[in-house]
């Protein structure tokens, strides 16, 4: 349910649900990242940054840190986090890398990584149509083409 809340834009309720889930099981792999996403989507990167450290998966730690540091104006640190994510997780984190580029406003790189995620059968790709982290890409004709390709397979 919290994922649906987030995808519908109800970030506060989604965050409450995700946090409750973390109270029950603090070792969940990506739930801390989803809490951080809600902070980022509401313009609170300072609250998102500590959540990056709570994820049990390095990819999510790096992704959230890149997004939060970017929004906080810490461009070198943000770039370092993204570069590390790319060097370590290009084969298993293409969708998360695309999300970073989308939120950074680099549509061309975001689409390159989305295509890569598609080719790699990345599980994150299954929510691309609803994902608020890639919302900025939806008006671009490449987005409709990608979704069409996804639905054909």
N, C-alpha and C. Protein backbone atom coordinates (compact mmCIF):
# COMPACT_ATOMS: atom_id res chain seq x y z
N UNK A 1 0.79 -1.20 0.00
CA UNK A 1 0.00 0.00 0.00
C UNK A 1 0.84 1.28 0.00
N UNK A 2 1.99 1.33 0.75
CA UNK A 2 2.75 2.58 0.73
C UNK A 2 3.27 2.94 -0.64
N UNK A 3 3.64 1.92 -1.45
CA UNK A 3 4.09 2.21 -2.80
C UNK A 3 3.00 2.88 -3.61
N UNK A 4 1.79 2.41 -3.48
CA UNK A 4 0.65 3.02 -4.19
C UNK A 4 0.45 4.45 -3.70
N UNK A 5 0.55 4.65 -2.39
CA UNK A 5 0.42 6.00 -1.85
C UNK A 5 1.48 6.93 -2.46
N UNK A 6 2.70 6.43 -2.54
CA UNK A 6 3.77 7.26 -3.10
C UNK A 6 3.52 7.56 -4.58
N UNK A 7 3.14 6.53 -5.33
CA UNK A 7 2.91 6.72 -6.76
C UNK A 7 1.74 7.66 -7.03
N UNK A 8 0.82 7.75 -6.09
CA UNK A 8 -0.32 8.67 -6.22
C UNK A 8 0.01 10.08 -5.73
N UNK A 9 1.19 10.26 -5.17
CA UNK A 9 1.60 11.58 -4.71
C UNK A 9 1.28 11.88 -3.26
N UNK A 10 0.81 10.90 -2.52
CA UNK A 10 0.51 11.07 -1.10
C UNK A 10 1.76 10.73 -0.30
N UNK A 11 2.75 11.60 -0.39
CA UNK A 11 4.07 11.31 0.15
C UNK A 11 4.10 11.21 1.68
N UNK A 12 3.31 12.03 2.35
CA UNK A 12 3.28 11.97 3.81
C UNK A 12 2.76 10.65 4.32
N UNK A 13 1.65 10.20 3.78
CA UNK A 13 1.09 8.91 4.21
C UNK A 13 1.99 7.75 3.80
N UNK A 14 2.56 7.85 2.62
CA UNK A 14 3.48 6.81 2.18
C UNK A 14 4.66 6.71 3.14
N UNK A 15 5.21 7.86 3.51
CA UNK A 15 6.35 7.86 4.43
C UNK A 15 5.96 7.22 5.76
N UNK A 16 4.79 7.56 6.28
CA UNK A 16 4.33 6.96 7.54
C UNK A 16 4.25 5.44 7.41
N UNK A 17 3.70 4.97 6.31
CA UNK A 17 3.56 3.53 6.09
C UNK A 17 4.92 2.85 5.96
N UNK A 18 5.81 3.47 5.18
CA UNK A 18 7.16 2.91 5.02
C UNK A 18 7.89 2.88 6.37
N UNK A 19 7.77 3.96 7.14
CA UNK A 19 8.45 4.01 8.43
C UNK A 19 7.89 2.96 9.40
N UNK A 20 6.59 2.76 9.36
CA UNK A 20 5.99 1.72 10.19
C UNK A 20 6.54 0.35 9.79
N UNK A 21 6.67 0.13 8.51
CA UNK A 21 7.24 -1.12 8.01
C UNK A 21 8.67 -1.30 8.50
N UNK A 22 9.44 -0.23 8.52
CA UNK A 22 10.82 -0.30 9.02
C UNK A 22 10.87 -0.59 10.52
N UNK A 23 9.87 -0.10 11.26
CA UNK A 23 9.82 -0.40 12.69
C UNK A 23 9.62 -1.90 12.91
N UNK A 24 8.81 -2.49 12.06
CA UNK A 24 8.55 -3.92 12.17
C UNK A 24 9.78 -4.73 11.75
N UNK A 25 10.40 -4.32 10.66
CA UNK A 25 11.58 -5.04 10.15
C UNK A 25 12.61 -4.02 9.65
N UNK A 26 13.53 -3.61 10.52
CA UNK A 26 14.52 -2.58 10.15
C UNK A 26 15.51 -2.99 9.08
N UNK A 27 15.59 -4.26 8.76
CA UNK A 27 16.59 -4.76 7.82
C UNK A 27 16.10 -4.86 6.38
N UNK A 28 14.98 -4.26 6.06
CA UNK A 28 14.46 -4.33 4.69
C UNK A 28 15.42 -3.64 3.73
N UNK A 29 15.56 -4.20 2.55
CA UNK A 29 16.59 -3.75 1.63
C UNK A 29 16.36 -2.34 1.06
N UNK A 30 15.15 -2.03 0.66
CA UNK A 30 14.95 -0.75 -0.02
C UNK A 30 13.94 0.17 0.64
N UNK A 31 13.35 -0.22 1.74
CA UNK A 31 12.31 0.61 2.36
C UNK A 31 12.85 1.95 2.83
N UNK A 32 14.05 1.97 3.38
CA UNK A 32 14.64 3.23 3.81
C UNK A 32 14.80 4.17 2.61
N UNK A 33 15.14 3.61 1.46
CA UNK A 33 15.25 4.44 0.25
C UNK A 33 13.90 5.03 -0.12
N UNK A 34 12.84 4.26 0.03
CA UNK A 34 11.51 4.78 -0.28
C UNK A 34 11.11 5.90 0.69
N UNK A 35 11.48 5.77 1.95
CA UNK A 35 11.24 6.87 2.90
C UNK A 35 12.00 8.10 2.41
N UNK A 36 13.25 7.90 2.02
CA UNK A 36 14.06 9.01 1.53
C UNK A 36 13.45 9.63 0.28
N UNK A 37 12.92 8.81 -0.63
CA UNK A 37 12.28 9.35 -1.83
C UNK A 37 11.16 10.32 -1.46
N UNK A 38 10.37 9.95 -0.43
CA UNK A 38 9.25 10.83 -0.05
C UNK A 38 9.77 12.17 0.43
N UNK A 39 10.87 12.16 1.17
CA UNK A 39 11.47 13.43 1.59
C UNK A 39 11.95 14.22 0.38
N UNK A 40 12.63 13.56 -0.54
CA UNK A 40 13.15 14.24 -1.73
C UNK A 40 12.01 14.83 -2.55
N UNK A 41 10.96 14.07 -2.73
CA UNK A 41 9.83 14.53 -3.54
C UNK A 41 9.08 15.68 -2.89
N UNK A 42 9.26 15.85 -1.59
CA UNK A 42 8.64 16.97 -0.88
C UNK A 42 9.64 18.10 -0.63
N UNK A 43 10.81 18.01 -1.27
CA UNK A 43 11.79 19.10 -1.18
C UNK A 43 12.55 19.15 0.13
N UNK A 44 12.76 18.00 0.77
CA UNK A 44 13.48 17.96 2.04
C UNK A 44 14.67 17.02 1.94
N UNK A 45 15.69 17.40 1.16
CA UNK A 45 16.85 16.51 1.00
C UNK A 45 17.64 16.32 2.28
N UNK A 46 17.61 17.29 3.20
CA UNK A 46 18.34 17.15 4.45
C UNK A 46 17.81 15.97 5.27
N UNK A 47 16.51 15.70 5.20
CA UNK A 47 15.94 14.55 5.91
C UNK A 47 16.17 13.26 5.14
N UNK A 48 16.31 13.37 3.83
CA UNK A 48 16.52 12.17 3.01
C UNK A 48 17.92 11.60 3.20
N UNK A 49 18.90 12.47 3.37
CA UNK A 49 20.30 12.03 3.43
C UNK A 49 20.56 10.99 4.52
N UNK A 50 20.12 11.19 5.76
CA UNK A 50 20.38 10.16 6.77
C UNK A 50 19.67 8.83 6.46
N UNK A 51 18.56 8.90 5.75
CA UNK A 51 17.85 7.67 5.38
C UNK A 51 18.68 6.84 4.40
N UNK A 52 19.53 7.49 3.62
CA UNK A 52 20.35 6.75 2.66
C UNK A 52 21.24 5.74 3.38
N UNK A 53 21.66 6.09 4.56
CA UNK A 53 22.56 5.21 5.32
C UNK A 53 21.83 4.03 5.95
N UNK A 54 20.51 4.11 6.04
CA UNK A 54 19.74 3.03 6.69
C UNK A 54 19.43 1.88 5.75
N UNK A 55 19.54 2.11 4.46
CA UNK A 55 19.27 1.02 3.52
C UNK A 55 20.32 -0.06 3.70
N UNK A 56 19.90 -1.31 3.54
CA UNK A 56 20.85 -2.42 3.66
C UNK A 56 21.50 -2.76 2.33
N UNK A 57 21.17 -2.01 1.28
CA UNK A 57 21.73 -2.25 -0.05
C UNK A 57 22.53 -1.03 -0.48
N UNK A 58 23.78 -1.26 -0.82
CA UNK A 58 24.69 -0.17 -1.19
C UNK A 58 24.15 0.67 -2.33
N UNK A 59 23.55 0.05 -3.33
CA UNK A 59 23.02 0.80 -4.47
C UNK A 59 22.05 1.88 -4.01
N UNK A 60 21.14 1.53 -3.12
CA UNK A 60 20.16 2.51 -2.63
C UNK A 60 20.83 3.58 -1.79
N UNK A 61 21.85 3.21 -1.02
CA UNK A 61 22.59 4.19 -0.24
C UNK A 61 23.22 5.24 -1.16
N UNK A 62 23.87 4.76 -2.21
CA UNK A 62 24.54 5.66 -3.15
C UNK A 62 23.56 6.51 -3.93
N UNK A 63 22.47 5.90 -4.38
CA UNK A 63 21.47 6.62 -5.16
C UNK A 63 20.86 7.76 -4.35
N UNK A 64 20.39 7.45 -3.15
CA UNK A 64 19.75 8.48 -2.33
C UNK A 64 20.76 9.56 -1.95
N UNK A 65 21.99 9.17 -1.63
CA UNK A 65 23.01 10.16 -1.29
C UNK A 65 23.29 11.08 -2.48
N UNK A 66 23.33 10.52 -3.69
CA UNK A 66 23.54 11.35 -4.89
C UNK A 66 22.40 12.35 -5.06
N UNK A 67 21.19 11.88 -4.88
CA UNK A 67 20.02 12.76 -5.04
C UNK A 67 19.99 13.84 -3.96
N UNK A 68 20.18 13.44 -2.71
CA UNK A 68 20.10 14.39 -1.61
C UNK A 68 21.23 15.41 -1.68
N UNK A 69 22.46 14.94 -1.90
CA UNK A 69 23.58 15.88 -1.99
C UNK A 69 23.40 16.85 -3.15
N UNK A 70 22.88 16.37 -4.26
CA UNK A 70 22.62 17.25 -5.40
C UNK A 70 21.64 18.36 -5.00
N UNK A 71 20.55 17.96 -4.36
CA UNK A 71 19.53 18.94 -3.97
C UNK A 71 20.03 19.90 -2.89
N UNK A 72 21.00 19.46 -2.11
CA UNK A 72 21.58 20.31 -1.07
C UNK A 72 22.67 21.23 -1.62
N UNK A 73 22.96 21.10 -2.91
CA UNK A 73 23.98 21.94 -3.52
C UNK A 73 25.39 21.41 -3.37
N UNK A 74 25.52 20.15 -3.01
CA UNK A 74 26.83 19.52 -2.85
C UNK A 74 27.15 18.73 -4.11
N UNK A 75 27.38 19.44 -5.20
CA UNK A 75 27.55 18.80 -6.51
C UNK A 75 28.72 17.81 -6.56
N UNK A 76 29.90 18.13 -6.04
CA UNK A 76 30.99 17.15 -6.13
C UNK A 76 30.68 15.84 -5.40
N UNK A 77 30.07 15.96 -4.22
CA UNK A 77 29.72 14.75 -3.47
C UNK A 77 28.65 13.96 -4.20
N UNK A 78 27.66 14.66 -4.74
CA UNK A 78 26.59 13.99 -5.49
C UNK A 78 27.17 13.24 -6.67
N UNK A 79 28.06 13.88 -7.41
CA UNK A 79 28.67 13.25 -8.56
C UNK A 79 29.50 12.03 -8.15
N UNK A 80 30.20 12.15 -7.03
CA UNK A 80 31.00 11.03 -6.53
C UNK A 80 30.10 9.83 -6.20
N UNK A 81 28.98 10.08 -5.55
CA UNK A 81 28.05 8.99 -5.22
C UNK A 81 27.51 8.33 -6.50
N UNK A 82 27.14 9.16 -7.47
CA UNK A 82 26.61 8.59 -8.71
C UNK A 82 27.69 7.81 -9.46
N UNK A 83 28.88 8.37 -9.53
CA UNK A 83 29.98 7.66 -10.20
C UNK A 83 30.25 6.30 -9.55
N UNK A 84 30.19 6.27 -8.23
CA UNK A 84 30.39 4.99 -7.53
C UNK A 84 29.26 4.02 -7.82
N UNK A 85 28.04 4.53 -7.85
CA UNK A 85 26.90 3.68 -8.19
C UNK A 85 27.06 3.09 -9.59
N UNK A 86 27.49 3.92 -10.52
CA UNK A 86 27.68 3.45 -11.89
C UNK A 86 28.80 2.41 -11.95
N UNK A 87 29.92 2.69 -11.30
CA UNK A 87 31.05 1.76 -11.38
C UNK A 87 30.74 0.41 -10.72
N UNK A 88 29.94 0.42 -9.68
CA UNK A 88 29.65 -0.82 -8.95
C UNK A 88 28.34 -1.49 -9.36
N UNK A 89 27.40 -0.73 -9.91
CA UNK A 89 26.05 -1.26 -10.09
C UNK A 89 25.45 -1.03 -11.47
N UNK A 90 26.28 -0.84 -12.47
CA UNK A 90 25.76 -0.63 -13.82
C UNK A 90 24.99 -1.84 -14.34
N UNK A 91 25.30 -3.02 -13.82
CA UNK A 91 24.62 -4.22 -14.31
C UNK A 91 23.42 -4.61 -13.47
N UNK A 92 23.27 -4.03 -12.29
CA UNK A 92 22.12 -4.38 -11.46
C UNK A 92 21.37 -3.16 -10.92
N UNK A 93 21.73 -1.97 -11.36
CA UNK A 93 21.09 -0.77 -10.84
C UNK A 93 20.80 0.28 -11.90
N UNK A 94 20.63 -0.16 -13.14
CA UNK A 94 20.41 0.80 -14.23
C UNK A 94 19.18 1.67 -14.00
N UNK A 95 18.12 1.08 -13.47
CA UNK A 95 16.90 1.87 -13.25
C UNK A 95 17.14 2.96 -12.21
N UNK A 96 17.83 2.63 -11.13
CA UNK A 96 18.10 3.62 -10.09
C UNK A 96 19.01 4.73 -10.61
N UNK A 97 19.94 4.38 -11.47
CA UNK A 97 20.82 5.39 -12.07
C UNK A 97 20.00 6.30 -12.98
N UNK A 98 19.07 5.73 -13.73
CA UNK A 98 18.17 6.53 -14.57
C UNK A 98 17.35 7.49 -13.72
N UNK A 99 16.90 7.03 -12.57
CA UNK A 99 16.13 7.90 -11.68
C UNK A 99 16.95 9.12 -11.26
N UNK A 100 18.21 8.89 -10.95
CA UNK A 100 19.08 10.00 -10.56
C UNK A 100 19.18 11.01 -11.69
N UNK A 101 19.49 10.54 -12.88
CA UNK A 101 19.61 11.46 -14.01
C UNK A 101 18.29 12.18 -14.29
N UNK A 102 17.17 11.49 -14.14
CA UNK A 102 15.87 12.13 -14.37
C UNK A 102 15.66 13.27 -13.37
N UNK A 103 15.93 13.01 -12.11
CA UNK A 103 15.74 14.07 -11.10
C UNK A 103 16.77 15.18 -11.22
N UNK A 104 17.92 14.87 -11.77
CA UNK A 104 18.93 15.91 -12.01
C UNK A 104 18.61 16.72 -13.25
N UNK A 105 17.62 16.29 -14.02
CA UNK A 105 17.23 17.03 -15.22
C UNK A 105 18.03 16.66 -16.46
N UNK A 106 18.79 15.60 -16.42
CA UNK A 106 19.58 15.15 -17.57
C UNK A 106 18.79 14.07 -18.30
N UNK A 107 17.88 14.49 -19.14
CA UNK A 107 16.96 13.57 -19.80
C UNK A 107 17.67 12.59 -20.73
N UNK A 108 18.65 13.06 -21.46
CA UNK A 108 19.33 12.15 -22.39
C UNK A 108 19.99 10.99 -21.65
N UNK A 109 20.70 11.29 -20.58
CA UNK A 109 21.34 10.20 -19.82
C UNK A 109 20.28 9.34 -19.12
N UNK A 110 19.22 9.97 -18.65
CA UNK A 110 18.15 9.19 -18.02
C UNK A 110 17.58 8.17 -19.00
N UNK A 111 17.33 8.59 -20.24
CA UNK A 111 16.80 7.67 -21.24
C UNK A 111 17.81 6.59 -21.61
N UNK A 112 19.09 6.94 -21.65
CA UNK A 112 20.12 5.93 -21.92
C UNK A 112 20.09 4.84 -20.85
N UNK A 113 19.96 5.25 -19.59
CA UNK A 113 19.94 4.28 -18.50
C UNK A 113 18.61 3.54 -18.43
N UNK A 114 17.52 4.18 -18.82
CA UNK A 114 16.24 3.46 -18.88
C UNK A 114 16.30 2.38 -19.94
N UNK A 115 16.89 2.69 -21.06
CA UNK A 115 17.04 1.69 -22.11
C UNK A 115 17.90 0.53 -21.61
N UNK A 116 18.93 0.87 -20.91
CA UNK A 116 19.79 -0.17 -20.34
C UNK A 116 19.01 -1.02 -19.33
N UNK A 117 18.21 -0.37 -18.50
CA UNK A 117 17.38 -1.09 -17.54
C UNK A 117 16.42 -2.03 -18.26
N UNK A 118 15.86 -1.56 -19.35
CA UNK A 118 14.97 -2.40 -20.14
C UNK A 118 15.71 -3.63 -20.67
N UNK A 119 16.89 -3.41 -21.24
CA UNK A 119 17.69 -4.50 -21.79
C UNK A 119 18.10 -5.51 -20.72
N UNK A 120 18.32 -5.02 -19.51
CA UNK A 120 18.76 -5.88 -18.41
C UNK A 120 17.60 -6.52 -17.66
N UNK A 121 16.37 -6.22 -18.08
CA UNK A 121 15.18 -6.71 -17.39
C UNK A 121 15.19 -6.30 -15.92
N UNK A 122 15.57 -5.06 -15.68
CA UNK A 122 15.65 -4.51 -14.33
C UNK A 122 14.25 -4.48 -13.72
N UNK A 123 14.13 -4.99 -12.50
CA UNK A 123 12.83 -5.04 -11.83
C UNK A 123 12.22 -3.68 -11.58
N UNK A 124 13.04 -2.66 -11.38
CA UNK A 124 12.53 -1.32 -11.16
C UNK A 124 11.74 -0.79 -12.33
N UNK A 125 12.06 -1.30 -13.49
CA UNK A 125 11.43 -0.82 -14.72
C UNK A 125 9.92 -1.08 -14.74
N UNK A 126 9.46 -2.02 -13.91
CA UNK A 126 8.04 -2.37 -13.92
C UNK A 126 7.14 -1.24 -13.45
N UNK A 127 7.68 -0.25 -12.74
CA UNK A 127 6.86 0.85 -12.24
C UNK A 127 7.11 2.16 -12.97
N UNK A 128 7.82 2.10 -14.07
CA UNK A 128 8.24 3.31 -14.78
C UNK A 128 7.07 4.23 -15.11
N UNK A 129 5.92 3.69 -15.43
CA UNK A 129 4.77 4.52 -15.80
C UNK A 129 4.25 5.35 -14.63
N UNK A 130 4.48 4.90 -13.40
CA UNK A 130 3.91 5.55 -12.23
C UNK A 130 4.95 6.22 -11.34
N UNK A 131 6.20 5.96 -11.60
CA UNK A 131 7.29 6.39 -10.74
C UNK A 131 7.43 7.91 -10.72
N UNK A 132 7.22 8.55 -9.56
CA UNK A 132 7.36 10.00 -9.50
C UNK A 132 8.80 10.48 -9.69
N UNK A 133 9.78 9.59 -9.52
CA UNK A 133 11.17 9.99 -9.70
C UNK A 133 11.52 10.20 -11.18
N UNK A 134 10.73 9.63 -12.07
CA UNK A 134 10.98 9.83 -13.51
C UNK A 134 9.84 10.62 -14.17
N UNK A 135 9.04 11.25 -13.37
CA UNK A 135 7.88 12.01 -13.87
C UNK A 135 8.28 13.06 -14.91
N UNK A 136 9.43 13.66 -14.73
CA UNK A 136 9.87 14.71 -15.65
C UNK A 136 10.09 14.19 -17.07
N UNK A 137 10.22 12.89 -17.21
CA UNK A 137 10.48 12.29 -18.52
C UNK A 137 9.19 12.02 -19.31
N UNK A 138 8.07 11.99 -18.64
CA UNK A 138 6.82 11.57 -19.29
C UNK A 138 6.42 12.41 -20.50
N UNK A 139 6.62 13.71 -20.51
CA UNK A 139 6.23 14.49 -21.71
C UNK A 139 7.10 14.21 -22.94
N UNK A 140 8.26 13.64 -22.74
CA UNK A 140 9.18 13.37 -23.84
C UNK A 140 8.68 12.19 -24.67
N UNK A 141 8.67 12.30 -26.00
CA UNK A 141 8.20 11.20 -26.85
C UNK A 141 8.95 9.89 -26.64
N UNK A 142 10.18 9.98 -26.19
CA UNK A 142 10.95 8.76 -25.93
C UNK A 142 10.34 7.93 -24.80
N UNK A 143 9.67 8.61 -23.88
CA UNK A 143 9.05 7.91 -22.76
C UNK A 143 7.90 7.04 -23.27
N UNK A 144 7.04 7.60 -24.10
CA UNK A 144 5.92 6.83 -24.65
C UNK A 144 6.44 5.64 -25.47
N UNK A 145 7.50 5.85 -26.21
CA UNK A 145 8.07 4.76 -27.01
C UNK A 145 8.61 3.65 -26.11
N UNK A 146 9.23 4.02 -25.02
CA UNK A 146 9.77 3.04 -24.09
C UNK A 146 8.66 2.24 -23.41
N UNK A 147 7.61 2.93 -23.00
CA UNK A 147 6.47 2.25 -22.36
C UNK A 147 5.80 1.31 -23.36
N UNK A 148 5.67 1.76 -24.61
CA UNK A 148 5.08 0.91 -25.63
C UNK A 148 5.90 -0.36 -25.82
N UNK A 149 7.22 -0.19 -25.86
CA UNK A 149 8.10 -1.34 -26.02
C UNK A 149 7.96 -2.29 -24.83
N UNK A 150 7.84 -1.74 -23.65
CA UNK A 150 7.67 -2.54 -22.44
C UNK A 150 6.39 -3.36 -22.51
N UNK A 151 5.32 -2.76 -22.97
CA UNK A 151 4.02 -3.44 -23.02
C UNK A 151 3.97 -4.51 -24.11
N UNK A 152 4.82 -4.38 -25.10
CA UNK A 152 4.85 -5.37 -26.18
C UNK A 152 5.55 -6.65 -25.75
N UNK A 153 6.32 -6.58 -24.69
CA UNK A 153 7.06 -7.76 -24.23
C UNK A 153 6.49 -8.32 -22.97
